[in-house]
Amino acid sequence: MKTIVYVHPYSGSFNHAILTRLTTSFEAEKQPYQVIDLYQDGFDPRYSAEELRLFSRGETPYQLVKTYQQLISNSDELIFITPIWWHNIPAELKGFFR
């Protein structure tokens, strides 16, 4: 299963055009895929005290993070579609990586 991690807030962006082209191609080729849309999901990249407390046990207080972990566990390919703003990736993606 391919998993696309999409990180852009605007549906009129070049990044969104890439996402649309890629998903259309996967559908035409009948390739299974799933999309993690960090902005649409309302992903919060901030590291909370509760999350830090559970980190050493490999746990998280957030259901969304657990869902993402399951989606990634079922993936054999990750594709990231993200802008580079001011020579860096968006905060949402930085938080996703931690």
PDB file of N, CA and C in Angstrom:
ATOM      1  N   MET A   1       0.850  -1.182   0.000  1.00  0.00           N
ATOM      2  CA  MET A   1       0.000   0.000   0.000  1.00  0.00           C
ATOM      3  C   MET A   1       0.887   1.234   0.000  1.00  0.00           C
ATOM      4  N   LYS A   2       0.570   2.167  -0.883  1.00  0.00           N
ATOM      5  CA  LYS A   2       1.275   3.442  -0.924  1.00  0.00           C
ATOM      6  C   LYS A   2       0.561   4.423   0.004  1.00  0.00           C
ATOM      7  N   THR A   3       1.318   5.193   0.735  1.00  0.00           N
ATOM      8  CA  THR A   3       0.751   6.230   1.581  1.00  0.00           C
ATOM      9  C   THR A   3       1.341   7.567   1.165  1.00  0.00           C
ATOM     10  N   ILE A   4       0.463   8.495   0.852  1.00  0.00           N
ATOM     11  CA  ILE A   4       0.870   9.854   0.506  1.00  0.00           C
ATOM     12  C   ILE A   4       0.658  10.724   1.738  1.00  0.00           C
ATOM     13  N   VAL A   5       1.708  11.407   2.165  1.00  0.00           N
ATOM     14  CA  VAL A   5       1.598  12.379   3.249  1.00  0.00           C
ATOM     15  C   VAL A   5       1.587  13.747   2.571  1.00  0.00           C
ATOM     16  N   TYR A   6       0.440  14.393   2.625  1.00  0.00           N
ATOM     17  CA  TYR A   6       0.224  15.659   1.931  1.00  0.00           C
ATOM     18  C   TYR A   6       0.179  16.789   2.950  1.00  0.00           C
ATOM     19  N   VAL A   7       0.956  17.854   2.649  1.00  0.00           N
ATOM     20  CA  VAL A   7       1.083  18.945   3.618  1.00  0.00           C
ATOM     21  C   VAL A   7       0.951  20.294   2.899  1.00  0.00           C
ATOM     22  N   HIS A   8      -0.272  20.733   2.708  1.00  0.00           N
ATOM     23  CA  HIS A   8      -0.491  22.074   2.145  1.00  0.00           C
ATOM     24  C   HIS A   8      -1.903  22.513   2.484  1.00  0.00           C
ATOM     25  N   PRO A   9      -2.090  23.781   2.891  1.00  0.00           N
ATOM     26  CA  PRO A   9      -3.415  24.228   3.305  1.00  0.00           C
ATOM     27  C   PRO A   9      -4.333  24.682   2.169  1.00  0.00           C
ATOM     28  N   TYR A  10      -3.798  24.855   0.945  1.00  0.00           N
ATOM     29  CA  TYR A  10      -4.570  25.483  -0.125  1.00  0.00           C
ATOM     30  C   TYR A  10      -4.799  24.520  -1.287  1.00  0.00           C
ATOM     31  N   SER A  11      -6.074  24.296  -1.598  1.00  0.00           N
ATOM     32  CA  SER A  11      -6.410  23.340  -2.654  1.00  0.00           C
ATOM     33  C   SER A  11      -6.085  23.854  -4.061  1.00  0.00           C
ATOM     34  N   GLY A  12      -5.713  25.118  -4.192  1.00  0.00           N
ATOM     35  CA  GLY A  12      -5.326  25.664  -5.482  1.00  0.00           C
ATOM     36  C   GLY A  12      -3.824  25.689  -5.694  1.00  0.00           C
ATOM     37  N   SER A  13      -3.091  25.032  -4.825  1.00  0.00           N
ATOM     38  CA  SER A  13      -1.626  25.071  -4.872  1.00  0.00           C
ATOM     39  C   SER A  13      -1.054  24.098  -5.905  1.00  0.00           C
ATOM     40  N   PHE A  14       0.202  24.319  -6.266  1.00  0.00           N
ATOM     41  CA  PHE A  14       0.919  23.397  -7.132  1.00  0.00           C
ATOM     42  C   PHE A  14       1.037  22.032  -6.451  1.00  0.00           C
ATOM     43  N   ASN A  15       1.258  22.027  -5.117  1.00  0.00           N
ATOM     44  CA  ASN A  15       1.335  20.766  -4.388  1.00  0.00           C
ATOM     45  C   ASN A  15       0.030  19.981  -4.508  1.00  0.00           C
ATOM     46  N   HIS A  16      -1.102  20.672  -4.478  1.00  0.00           N
ATOM     47  CA  HIS A  16      -2.383  19.985  -4.616  1.00  0.00           C
ATOM     48  C   HIS A  16      -2.543  19.413  -6.019  1.00  0.00           C
ATOM     49  N   ALA A  17      -2.034  20.127  -7.015  1.00  0.00           N
ATOM     50  CA  ALA A  17      -2.073  19.604  -8.393  1.00  0.00           C
ATOM     51  C   ALA A  17      -1.248  18.323  -8.494  1.00  0.00           C
ATOM     52  N   ILE A  18      -0.123  18.282  -7.814  1.00  0.00           N
ATOM     53  CA  ILE A  18       0.698  17.061  -7.798  1.00  0.00           C
ATOM     54  C   ILE A  18      -0.086  15.923  -7.145  1.00  0.00           C
ATOM     55  N   LEU A  19      -0.721  16.216  -6.017  1.00  0.00           N
ATOM     56  CA  LEU A  19      -1.527  15.204  -5.320  1.00  0.00           C
ATOM     57  C   LEU A  19      -2.624  14.670  -6.236  1.00  0.00           C
ATOM     58  N   THR A  20      -3.330  15.556  -6.897  1.00  0.00           N
ATOM     59  CA  THR A  20      -4.417  15.151  -7.793  1.00  0.00           C
ATOM     60  C   THR A  20      -3.892  14.286  -8.932  1.00  0.00           C
ATOM     61  N   ARG A  21      -2.812  14.697  -9.520  1.00  0.00           N
ATOM     62  CA  ARG A  21      -2.220  13.931 -10.639  1.00  0.00           C
ATOM     63  C   ARG A  21      -1.803  12.533 -10.175  1.00  0.00           C
ATOM     64  N   LEU A  22      -1.172  12.468  -9.016  1.00  0.00           N
ATOM     65  CA  LEU A  22      -0.692  11.190  -8.493  1.00  0.00           C
ATOM     66  C   LEU A  22      -1.847  10.250  -8.149  1.00  0.00           C
ATOM     67  N   THR A  23      -2.858  10.758  -7.450  1.00  0.00           N
ATOM     68  CA  THR A  23      -3.982   9.901  -7.071  1.00  0.00           C
ATOM     69  C   THR A  23      -4.778   9.460  -8.304  1.00  0.00           C
ATOM     70  N   THR A  24      -4.909  10.341  -9.277  1.00  0.00           N
ATOM     71  CA  THR A  24      -5.586   9.967 -10.523  1.00  0.00           C
ATOM     72  C   THR A  24      -4.829   8.843 -11.227  1.00  0.00           C
ATOM     73  N   SER A  25      -3.526   8.951 -11.245  1.00  0.00           N
ATOM     74  CA  SER A  25      -2.688   7.920 -11.857  1.00  0.00           C
ATOM     75  C   SER A  25      -2.823   6.590 -11.117  1.00  0.00           C
ATOM     76  N   PHE A  26      -2.784   6.633  -9.785  1.00  0.00           N
ATOM     77  CA  PHE A  26      -2.929   5.400  -8.996  1.00  0.00           C
ATOM     78  C   PHE A  26      -4.286   4.753  -9.250  1.00  0.00           C
ATOM     79  N   GLU A  27      -5.331   5.568  -9.318  1.00  0.00           N
ATOM     80  CA  GLU A  27      -6.666   5.032  -9.567  1.00  0.00           C
ATOM     81  C   GLU A  27      -6.758   4.394 -10.952  1.00  0.00           C
ATOM     82  N   ALA A  28      -6.179   5.049 -11.953  1.00  0.00           N
ATOM     83  CA  ALA A  28      -6.212   4.510 -13.319  1.00  0.00           C
ATOM     84  C   ALA A  28      -5.459   3.187 -13.410  1.00  0.00           C
ATOM     85  N   GLU A  29      -4.384   3.061 -12.637  1.00  0.00           N
ATOM     86  CA  GLU A  29      -3.572   1.837 -12.639  1.00  0.00           C
ATOM     87  C   GLU A  29      -4.049   0.819 -11.609  1.00  0.00           C
ATOM     88  N   LYS A  30      -5.145   1.166 -10.910  1.00  0.00           N
ATOM     89  CA  LYS A  30      -5.716   0.308  -9.870  1.00  0.00           C
ATOM     90  C   LYS A  30      -4.692  -0.059  -8.791  1.00  0.00           C
ATOM     91  N   GLN A  31      -3.872   0.922  -8.447  1.00  0.00           N
ATOM     92  CA  GLN A  31      -2.895   0.745  -7.371  1.00  0.00           C
ATOM     93  C   GLN A  31      -3.507   1.246  -6.067  1.00  0.00           C
ATOM     94  N   PRO A  32      -3.444   0.449  -5.009  1.00  0.00           N
ATOM     95  CA  PRO A  32      -4.002   0.901  -3.740  1.00  0.00           C
ATOM     96  C   PRO A  32      -3.141   2.010  -3.129  1.00  0.00           C
ATOM     97  N   TYR A  33      -3.818   3.004  -2.563  1.00  0.00           N
ATOM     98  CA  TYR A  33      -3.124   4.111  -1.905  1.00  0.00           C
ATOM     99  C   TYR A  33      -4.027   4.693  -0.829  1.00  0.00           C
ATOM    100  N   GLN A  34      -3.428   5.458   0.032  1.00  0.00           N
ATOM    101  CA  GLN A  34      -4.163   6.206   1.046  1.00  0.00           C
ATOM    102  C   GLN A  34      -3.456   7.545   1.217  1.00  0.00           C
ATOM    103  N   VAL A  35      -4.218   8.542   1.662  1.00  0.00           N
ATOM    104  CA  VAL A  35      -3.665   9.882   1.817  1.00  0.00           C
ATOM    105  C   VAL A  35      -3.800  10.322   3.264  1.00  0.00           C
ATOM    106  N   ILE A  36      -2.696  10.798   3.814  1.00  0.00           N
ATOM    107  CA  ILE A  36      -2.694  11.480   5.106  1.00  0.00           C
ATOM    108  C   ILE A  36      -2.571  12.961   4.777  1.00  0.00           C
ATOM    109  N   ASP A  37      -3.613  13.727   5.067  1.00  0.00           N
ATOM    110  CA  ASP A  37      -3.631  15.162   4.785  1.00  0.00           C
ATOM    111  C   ASP A  37      -3.535  15.898   6.117  1.00  0.00           C
ATOM    112  N   LEU A  38      -2.346  16.347   6.466  1.00  0.00           N
ATOM    113  CA  LEU A  38      -2.110  16.917   7.791  1.00  0.00           C
ATOM    114  C   LEU A  38      -2.949  18.161   8.061  1.00  0.00           C
ATOM    115  N   TYR A  39      -3.134  19.024   7.069  1.00  0.00           N
ATOM    116  CA  TYR A  39      -3.946  20.227   7.287  1.00  0.00           C
ATOM    117  C   TYR A  39      -5.420  19.875   7.403  1.00  0.00           C
ATOM    118  N   GLN A  40      -5.921  19.051   6.504  1.00  0.00           N
ATOM    119  CA  GLN A  40      -7.338  18.676   6.536  1.00  0.00           C
ATOM    120  C   GLN A  40      -7.677  17.942   7.831  1.00  0.00           C
ATOM    121  N   ASP A  41      -6.746  17.126   8.319  1.00  0.00           N
ATOM    122  CA  ASP A  41      -6.971  16.371   9.551  1.00  0.00           C
ATOM    123  C   ASP A  41      -6.854  17.236  10.802  1.00  0.00           C
ATOM    124  N   GLY A  42      -6.338  18.449  10.655  1.00  0.00           N
ATOM    125  CA  GLY A  42      -6.153  19.318  11.816  1.00  0.00           C
ATOM    126  C   GLY A  42      -5.014  18.852  12.712  1.00  0.00           C
ATOM    127  N   PHE A  43      -4.011  18.221  12.112  1.00  0.00           N
ATOM    128  CA  PHE A  43      -2.872  17.719  12.886  1.00  0.00           C
ATOM    129  C   PHE A  43      -2.172  18.867  13.614  1.00  0.00           C
ATOM    130  N   ASP A  44      -1.947  18.684  14.910  1.00  0.00           N
ATOM    131  CA  ASP A  44      -1.268  19.680  15.743  1.00  0.00           C
ATOM    132  C   ASP A  44       0.184  19.245  15.929  1.00  0.00           C
ATOM    133  N   PRO A  45       1.137  19.990  15.375  1.00  0.00           N
ATOM    134  CA  PRO A  45       2.537  19.566  15.451  1.00  0.00           C
ATOM    135  C   PRO A  45       3.215  19.859  16.791  1.00  0.00           C
ATOM    136  N   ARG A  46       2.520  20.559  17.688  1.00  0.00           N
ATOM    137  CA  ARG A  46       3.149  20.908  18.968  1.00  0.00           C
ATOM    138  C   ARG A  46       3.309  19.673  19.857  1.00  0.00           C
ATOM    139  N   TYR A  47       4.379  19.665  20.611  1.00  0.00           N
ATOM    140  CA  TYR A  47       4.693  18.566  21.517  1.00  0.00           C
ATOM    141  C   TYR A  47       4.164  18.921  22.898  1.00  0.00           C
ATOM    142  N   SER A  48       3.168  18.204  23.373  1.00  0.00           N
ATOM    143  CA  SER A  48       2.548  18.520  24.659  1.00  0.00           C
ATOM    144  C   SER A  48       3.257  17.815  25.812  1.00  0.00           C
ATOM    145  N   ALA A  49       3.027  18.314  27.017  1.00  0.00           N
ATOM    146  CA  ALA A  49       3.602  17.695  28.210  1.00  0.00           C
ATOM    147  C   ALA A  49       3.088  16.263  28.377  1.00  0.00           C
ATOM    148  N   GLU A  50       1.823  16.039  28.071  1.00  0.00           N
ATOM    149  CA  GLU A  50       1.241  14.691  28.167  1.00  0.00           C
ATOM    150  C   GLU A  50       1.912  13.750  27.173  1.00  0.00           C
ATOM    151  N   GLU A  51       2.143  14.221  25.974  1.00  0.00           N
ATOM    152  CA  GLU A  51       2.797  13.392  24.968  1.00  0.00           C
ATOM    153  C   GLU A  51       4.228  13.059  25.393  1.00  0.00           C
ATOM    154  N   LEU A  52       4.929  14.034  25.924  1.00  0.00           N
ATOM    155  CA  LEU A  52       6.294  13.818  26.395  1.00  0.00           C
ATOM    156  C   LEU A  52       6.320  12.795  27.533  1.00  0.00           C
ATOM    157  N   ARG A  53       5.342  12.859  28.432  1.00  0.00           N
ATOM    158  CA  ARG A  53       5.269  11.920  29.556  1.00  0.00           C
ATOM    159  C   ARG A  53       5.112  10.478  29.064  1.00  0.00           C
ATOM    160  N   LEU A  54       4.351  10.280  28.000  1.00  0.00           N
ATOM    161  CA  LEU A  54       4.084   8.935  27.482  1.00  0.00           C
ATOM    162  C   LEU A  54       5.134   8.441  26.494  1.00  0.00           C
ATOM    163  N   PHE A  55       5.968   9.343  25.992  1.00  0.00           N
ATOM    164  CA  PHE A  55       6.924   9.014  24.941  1.00  0.00           C
ATOM    165  C   PHE A  55       7.839   7.850  25.318  1.00  0.00           C
ATOM    166  N   SER A  56       8.346   7.832  26.534  1.00  0.00           N
ATOM    167  CA  SER A  56       9.297   6.790  26.942  1.00  0.00           C
ATOM    168  C   SER A  56       8.659   5.397  26.961  1.00  0.00           C
ATOM    169  N   ARG A  57       7.336   5.350  26.997  1.00  0.00           N
ATOM    170  CA  ARG A  57       6.631   4.059  26.966  1.00  0.00           C
ATOM    171  C   ARG A  57       6.157   3.718  25.548  1.00  0.00           C
ATOM    172  N   GLY A  58       6.489   4.584  24.593  1.00  0.00           N
ATOM    173  CA  GLY A  58       6.064   4.346  23.212  1.00  0.00           C
ATOM    174  C   GLY A  58       4.579   4.579  23.003  1.00  0.00           C
ATOM    175  N   GLU A  59       3.984   5.431  23.826  1.00  0.00           N
ATOM    176  CA  GLU A  59       2.547   5.690  23.752  1.00  0.00           C
ATOM    177  C   GLU A  59       2.281   7.132  23.347  1.00  0.00           C
ATOM    178  N   THR A  60       1.045   7.403  22.989  1.00  0.00           N
ATOM    179  CA  THR A  60       0.607   8.752  22.650  1.00  0.00           C
ATOM    180  C   THR A  60      -0.813   8.952  23.172  1.00  0.00           C
ATOM    181  N   PRO A  61      -1.155  10.169  23.582  1.00  0.00           N
ATOM    182  CA  PRO A  61      -2.525  10.421  24.027  1.00  0.00           C
ATOM    183  C   PRO A  61      -3.476  10.757  22.881  1.00  0.00           C
ATOM    184  N   TYR A  62      -2.966  10.814  21.657  1.00  0.00           N
ATOM    185  CA  TYR A  62      -3.751  11.300  20.527  1.00  0.00           C
ATOM    186  C   TYR A  62      -4.194  10.174  19.601  1.00  0.00           C
ATOM    187  N   GLN A  63      -5.493  10.078  19.394  1.00  0.00           N
ATOM    188  CA  GLN A  63      -6.031   9.052  18.496  1.00  0.00           C
ATOM    189  C   GLN A  63      -5.562   9.272  17.062  1.00  0.00           C
ATOM    190  N   LEU A  64      -5.443  10.526  16.649  1.00  0.00           N
ATOM    191  CA  LEU A  64      -4.996  10.812  15.287  1.00  0.00           C
ATOM    192  C   LEU A  64      -3.595  10.255  15.046  1.00  0.00           C
ATOM    193  N   VAL A  65      -2.718  10.397  16.018  1.00  0.00           N
ATOM    194  CA  VAL A  65      -1.358   9.865  15.892  1.00  0.00           C
ATOM    195  C   VAL A  65      -1.403   8.340  15.818  1.00  0.00           C
ATOM    196  N   LYS A  66      -2.246   7.713  16.613  1.00  0.00           N
ATOM    197  CA  LYS A  66      -2.390   6.255  16.564  1.00  0.00           C
ATOM    198  C   LYS A  66      -2.893   5.817  15.188  1.00  0.00           C
ATOM    199  N   THR A  67      -3.814   6.568  14.626  1.00  0.00           N
ATOM    200  CA  THR A  67      -4.323   6.268  13.281  1.00  0.00           C
ATOM    201  C   THR A  67      -3.202   6.375  12.257  1.00  0.00           C
ATOM    202  N   TYR A  68      -2.421   7.446  12.338  1.00  0.00           N
ATOM    203  CA  TYR A  68      -1.289   7.617  11.422  1.00  0.00           C
ATOM    204  C   TYR A  68      -0.294   6.465  11.566  1.00  0.00           C
ATOM    205  N   GLN A  69      -0.012   6.067  12.791  1.00  0.00           N
ATOM    206  CA  GLN A  69       0.927   4.961  13.007  1.00  0.00           C
ATOM    207  C   GLN A  69       0.428   3.687  12.334  1.00  0.00           C
ATOM    208  N   GLN A  70      -0.860   3.426  12.426  1.00  0.00           N
ATOM    209  CA  GLN A  70      -1.445   2.233  11.803  1.00  0.00           C
ATOM    210  C   GLN A  70      -1.379   2.327  10.280  1.00  0.00           C
ATOM    211  N   LEU A  71      -1.692   3.488   9.736  1.00  0.00           N
ATOM    212  CA  LEU A  71      -1.635   3.667   8.289  1.00  0.00           C
ATOM    213  C   LEU A  71      -0.213   3.442   7.773  1.00  0.00           C
ATOM    214  N   ILE A  72       0.758   3.980   8.470  1.00  0.00           N
ATOM    215  CA  ILE A  72       2.150   3.827   8.047  1.00  0.00           C
ATOM    216  C   ILE A  72       2.614   2.384   8.208  1.00  0.00           C
ATOM    217  N   SER A  73       2.176   1.719   9.256  1.00  0.00           N
ATOM    218  CA  SER A  73       2.535   0.311   9.454  1.00  0.00           C
ATOM    219  C   SER A  73       2.041  -0.565   8.311  1.00  0.00           C
ATOM    220  N   ASN A  74       0.931  -0.175   7.711  1.00  0.00           N
ATOM    221  CA  ASN A  74       0.357  -0.941   6.600  1.00  0.00           C
ATOM    222  C   ASN A  74       0.906  -0.513   5.243  1.00  0.00           C
ATOM    223  N   SER A  75       1.895   0.359   5.240  1.00  0.00           N
ATOM    224  CA  SER A  75       2.444   0.899   3.998  1.00  0.00           C
ATOM    225  C   SER A  75       3.763   0.244   3.641  1.00  0.00           C
ATOM    226  N   ASP A  76       3.986   0.146   2.335  1.00  0.00           N
ATOM    227  CA  ASP A  76       5.300  -0.303   1.876  1.00  0.00           C
ATOM    228  C   ASP A  76       6.005   0.802   1.092  1.00  0.00           C
ATOM    229  N   GLU A  77       5.318   1.926   0.930  1.00  0.00           N
ATOM    230  CA  GLU A  77       5.903   3.073   0.233  1.00  0.00           C
ATOM    231  C   GLU A  77       5.299   4.357   0.788  1.00  0.00           C
ATOM    232  N   LEU A  78       6.161   5.323   1.138  1.00  0.00           N
ATOM    233  CA  LEU A  78       5.714   6.636   1.597  1.00  0.00           C
ATOM    234  C   LEU A  78       6.095   7.680   0.565  1.00  0.00           C
ATOM    235  N   ILE A  79       5.140   8.545   0.256  1.00  0.00           N
ATOM    236  CA  ILE A  79       5.356   9.638  -0.686  1.00  0.00           C
ATOM    237  C   ILE A  79       4.991  10.927   0.040  1.00  0.00           C
ATOM    238  N   PHE A  80       5.905  11.881   0.076  1.00  0.00           N
ATOM    239  CA  PHE A  80       5.661  13.154   0.735  1.00  0.00           C
ATOM    240  C   PHE A  80       5.467  14.242  -0.316  1.00  0.00           C
ATOM    241  N   ILE A  81       4.356  14.955  -0.192  1.00  0.00           N
ATOM    242  CA  ILE A  81       4.092  16.108  -1.046  1.00  0.00           C
ATOM    243  C   ILE A  81       3.994  17.306  -0.113  1.00  0.00           C
ATOM    244  N   THR A  82       4.996  18.170  -0.190  1.00  0.00           N
ATOM    245  CA  THR A  82       5.083  19.294   0.734  1.00  0.00           C
ATOM    246  C   THR A  82       5.810  20.462   0.087  1.00  0.00           C
ATOM    247  N   PRO A  83       5.439  21.668   0.430  1.00  0.00           N
ATOM    248  CA  PRO A  83       6.207  22.808  -0.059  1.00  0.00           C
ATOM    249  C   PRO A  83       7.489  22.970   0.773  1.00  0.00           C
ATOM    250  N   ILE A  84       8.394  23.739   0.232  1.00  0.00           N
ATOM    251  CA  ILE A  84       9.559  24.177   0.991  1.00  0.00           C
ATOM    252  C   ILE A  84       9.386  25.679   1.163  1.00  0.00           C
ATOM    253  N   TRP A  85       9.167  26.087   2.390  1.00  0.00           N
ATOM    254  CA  TRP A  85       8.948  27.497   2.694  1.00  0.00           C
ATOM    255  C   TRP A  85      10.132  28.026   3.486  1.00  0.00           C
ATOM    256  N   TRP A  86      10.718  29.116   3.047  1.00  0.00           N
ATOM    257  CA  TRP A  86      11.850  29.740   3.742  1.00  0.00           C
ATOM    258  C   TRP A  86      12.939  28.708   4.030  1.00  0.00           C
ATOM    259  N   HIS A  87      13.243  27.889   3.023  1.00  0.00           N
ATOM    260  CA  HIS A  87      14.308  26.884   3.074  1.00  0.00           C
ATOM    261  C   HIS A  87      14.018  25.752   4.051  1.00  0.00           C
ATOM    262  N   ASN A  88      12.737  25.478   4.320  1.00  0.00           N
ATOM    263  CA  ASN A  88      12.409  24.432   5.285  1.00  0.00           C
ATOM    264  C   ASN A  88      11.022  23.868   5.002  1.00  0.00           C
ATOM    265  N   ILE A  89      10.739  22.735   5.617  1.00  0.00           N
ATOM    266  CA  ILE A  89       9.415  22.120   5.509  1.00  0.00           C
ATOM    267  C   ILE A  89       8.466  22.766   6.521  1.00  0.00           C
ATOM    268  N   PRO A  90       7.160  22.678   6.295  1.00  0.00           N
ATOM    269  CA  PRO A  90       6.190  23.252   7.230  1.00  0.00           C
ATOM    270  C   PRO A  90       6.266  22.600   8.618  1.00  0.00           C
ATOM    271  N   ALA A  91       5.860  23.363   9.627  1.00  0.00           N
ATOM    272  CA  ALA A  91       5.870  22.877  11.017  1.00  0.00           C
ATOM    273  C   ALA A  91       5.051  21.603  11.173  1.00  0.00           C
ATOM    274  N   GLU A  92       3.953  21.479  10.426  1.00  0.00           N
ATOM    275  CA  GLU A  92       3.118  20.277  10.522  1.00  0.00           C
ATOM    276  C   GLU A  92       3.912  19.024  10.185  1.00  0.00           C
ATOM    277  N   LEU A  93       4.758  19.098   9.173  1.00  0.00           N
ATOM    278  CA  LEU A  93       5.540  17.938   8.796  1.00  0.00           C
ATOM    279  C   LEU A  93       6.669  17.681   9.796  1.00  0.00           C
ATOM    280  N   LYS A  94       7.271  18.741  10.323  1.00  0.00           N
ATOM    281  CA  LYS A  94       8.295  18.559  11.361  1.00  0.00           C
ATOM    282  C   LYS A  94       7.705  17.839  12.568  1.00  0.00           C
ATOM    283  N   GLY A  95       6.509  18.260  12.984  1.00  0.00           N
ATOM    284  CA  GLY A  95       5.834  17.610  14.106  1.00  0.00           C
ATOM    285  C   GLY A  95       5.439  16.179  13.787  1.00  0.00           C
ATOM    286  N   PHE A  96       5.057  15.918  12.556  1.00  0.00           N
ATOM    287  CA  PHE A  96       4.701  14.577  12.108  1.00  0.00           C
ATOM    288  C   PHE A  96       5.902  13.642  12.228  1.00  0.00           C
ATOM    289  N   PHE A  97       7.098  14.147  11.895  1.00  0.00           N
ATOM    290  CA  PHE A  97       8.319  13.325  11.954  1.00  0.00           C
ATOM    291  C   PHE A  97       8.746  12.992  13.375  1.00  0.00           C
ATOM    292  N   ARG A  98       8.400  13.815  14.336  1.00  0.00           N
ATOM    293  CA  ARG A  98       8.871  13.528  15.698  1.00  0.00           C
ATOM    294  C   ARG A  98       8.104  12.374  16.248  1.00  0.00           C
TER     295      ARG A  98
END
